C-alpha atoms as a PDB file:
ATOM      1  CA  MET A   1     172.988  83.597 129.599  1.00  0.00           C
ATOM      2  CA  GLN A   2     170.464  80.800 129.416  1.00  0.00           C
ATOM      3  CA  THR A   3     171.707  77.661 130.412  1.00  0.00           C
ATOM      4  CA  ASP A   4     170.603  73.703 130.350  1.00  0.00           C
ATOM      5  CA  ILE A   5     169.678  72.956 133.869  1.00  0.00           C
ATOM      6  CA  ARG A   6     170.053  69.333 135.171  1.00  0.00           C
ATOM      7  CA  LYS A   7     169.317  69.192 138.671  1.00  0.00           C
ATOM      8  CA  ILE A   8     167.905  71.706 141.292  1.00  0.00           C
ATOM      9  CA  SER A   9     168.374  71.299 144.836  1.00  0.00           C
ATOM     10  CA  VAL A  10     165.980  73.287 147.275  1.00  0.00           C
ATOM     11  CA  GLY A  11     166.886  74.039 150.940  1.00  0.00           C
ATOM     12  CA  LYS A  12     169.540  75.611 153.479  1.00  0.00           C
ATOM     13  CA  ASN A  13     171.283  72.314 154.465  1.00  0.00           C
ATOM     14  CA  TYR A  14     172.943  71.141 151.272  1.00  0.00           C
ATOM     15  CA  PRO A  15     173.126  68.159 150.207  1.00  0.00           C
ATOM     16  CA  GLU A  16     171.427  66.303 153.168  1.00  0.00           C
ATOM     17  CA  GLY A  17     168.716  68.825 154.033  1.00  0.00           C
ATOM     18  CA  VAL A  18     167.322  69.819 150.748  1.00  0.00           C
ATOM     19  CA  MET A  19     164.837  68.611 148.070  1.00  0.00           C
ATOM     20  CA  HIS A  20     166.597  67.275 144.954  1.00  0.00           C
ATOM     21  CA  PHE A  21     164.766  67.809 141.229  1.00  0.00           C
ATOM     22  CA  LEU A  22     166.346  66.099 138.618  1.00  0.00           C
ATOM     23  CA  VAL A  23     165.455  66.145 134.756  1.00  0.00           C
ATOM     24  CA  GLY A  24     164.813  62.439 133.842  1.00  0.00           C
ATOM     25  CA  LYS A  25     163.429  61.459 137.144  1.00  0.00           C
ATOM     26  CA  SER A  26     160.200  59.386 137.399  1.00  0.00           C
ATOM     27  CA  MET A  27     157.728  60.212 140.141  1.00  0.00           C
ATOM     28  CA  ASN A  28     154.285  59.003 140.708  1.00  0.00           C
ATOM     29  CA  LEU A  29     151.729  61.918 141.858  1.00  0.00           C
ATOM     30  CA  GLN A  30     148.083  60.539 142.993  1.00  0.00           C
ATOM     31  CA  GLY A  31     148.778  57.092 141.220  1.00  0.00           C
ATOM     32  CA  VAL A  32     149.914  59.119 137.709  1.00  0.00           C
ATOM     33  CA  PRO A  33     153.195  58.745 136.469  1.00  0.00           C
ATOM     34  CA  TYR A  34     155.186  61.405 135.532  1.00  0.00           C
ATOM     35  CA  VAL A  35     158.663  62.592 134.599  1.00  0.00           C
ATOM     36  CA  ILE A  36     160.502  65.855 135.524  1.00  0.00           C
ATOM     37  CA  SER A  37     161.099  67.086 131.829  1.00  0.00           C
ATOM     38  CA  LYS A  38     162.409  70.482 132.193  1.00  0.00           C
ATOM     39  CA  ILE A  39     163.826  73.298 134.795  1.00  0.00           C
ATOM     40  CA  ASP A  40     163.930  76.510 133.670  1.00  0.00           C
ATOM     41  CA  LEU A  41     164.734  80.201 135.034  1.00  0.00           C
ATOM     42  CA  ASN A  42     161.157  82.072 135.617  1.00  0.00           C
ATOM     43  CA  GLN A  43     161.789  85.499 133.706  1.00  0.00           C
ATOM     44  CA  THR A  44     158.436  86.804 134.936  1.00  0.00           C
ATOM     45  CA  TYR A  45     159.215  86.321 138.951  1.00  0.00           C
ATOM     46  CA  ALA A  46     163.048  86.803 138.582  1.00  0.00           C
ATOM     47  CA  THR A  47     163.921  90.323 139.938  1.00  0.00           C
ATOM     48  CA  LYS A  48     167.244  92.187 140.602  1.00  0.00           C
ATOM     49  CA  ASP A  49     167.856  90.458 144.098  1.00  0.00           C
ATOM     50  CA  LYS A  50     165.412  87.401 143.983  1.00  0.00           C
ATOM     51  CA  ILE A  51     165.298  84.252 141.246  1.00  0.00           C
ATOM     52  CA  ALA A  52     162.653  81.965 139.997  1.00  0.00           C
ATOM     53  CA  TYR A  53     162.733  78.623 138.814  1.00  0.00           C
ATOM     54  CA  ASP A  54     159.884  76.309 136.958  1.00  0.00           C
ATOM     55  CA  ILE A  55     159.854  72.576 137.018  1.00  0.00           C
ATOM     56  CA  TYR A  56     157.569  70.812 134.458  1.00  0.00           C
ATOM     57  CA  LEU A  57     156.349  67.063 134.602  1.00  0.00           C
ATOM     58  CA  THR A  58     155.581  65.239 131.452  1.00  0.00           C
ATOM     59  CA  ASN A  59     153.581  62.133 130.814  1.00  0.00           C
ATOM     60  CA  TYR A  60     151.660  60.480 128.118  1.00  0.00           C
ATOM     61  CA  THR A  61     148.977  63.392 127.897  1.00  0.00           C
ATOM     62  CA  GLY A  62     151.133  66.149 127.730  1.00  0.00           C
ATOM     63  CA  THR A  63     153.603  68.391 129.850  1.00  0.00           C
ATOM     64  CA  VAL A  64     152.450  70.636 132.851  1.00  0.00           C
ATOM     65  CA  LEU A  65     154.163  73.487 135.179  1.00  0.00           C
ATOM     66  CA  TRP A  66     154.472  71.566 138.547  1.00  0.00           C
ATOM     67  CA  LYS A  67     156.222  73.918 140.887  1.00  0.00           C
ATOM     68  CA  THR A  68     157.852  77.478 140.958  1.00  0.00           C
ATOM     69  CA  ILE A  69     160.713  77.812 143.360  1.00  0.00           C
ATOM     70  CA  TYR A  70     160.852  81.266 144.461  1.00  0.00           C
ATOM     71  CA  ASP A  71     163.211  83.520 146.783  1.00  0.00           C
ATOM     72  CA  LEU A  72     164.672  79.948 148.247  1.00  0.00           C
ATOM     73  CA  PRO A  73     168.357  78.762 148.632  1.00  0.00           C
ATOM     74  CA  VAL A  74     169.034  76.454 145.590  1.00  0.00           C
ATOM     75  CA  VAL A  75     172.348  75.075 144.406  1.00  0.00           C
ATOM     76  CA  ILE A  76     171.743  74.288 140.511  1.00  0.00           C
ATOM     77  CA  GLU A  77     173.804  71.844 138.610  1.00  0.00           C
ATOM     78  CA  ASN A  78     173.911  72.584 134.684  1.00  0.00           C
ATOM     79  CA  ASN A  79     174.579  69.916 131.648  1.00  0.00           C
ATOM     80  CA  ILE A  80     177.911  69.761 130.486  1.00  0.00           C
ATOM     81  CA  ASN A  81     178.110  68.954 126.720  1.00  0.00           C
ATOM     82  CA  PHE A  82     181.560  68.474 125.392  1.00  0.00           C
ATOM     83  CA  GLU A  83     181.118  68.470 121.789  1.00  0.00           C
END
């Protein structure tokens, strides 16, 4: 089942000892502004017992793959749409 991931928290000591990546969050890398535009399950690296997630950044020039989180403890928050 494919879900719409809103936030991924990576690390062992949730919630204080982890890095949080939230779709829509603005960030500045090497003086260039970006927004986290998408977090996806990576089917290529995912195996039976390990899961991988891709984090994409977007700015005025386009969208790029920024990070792949593989074989680390994560907490996932999904978008909830009541329609």
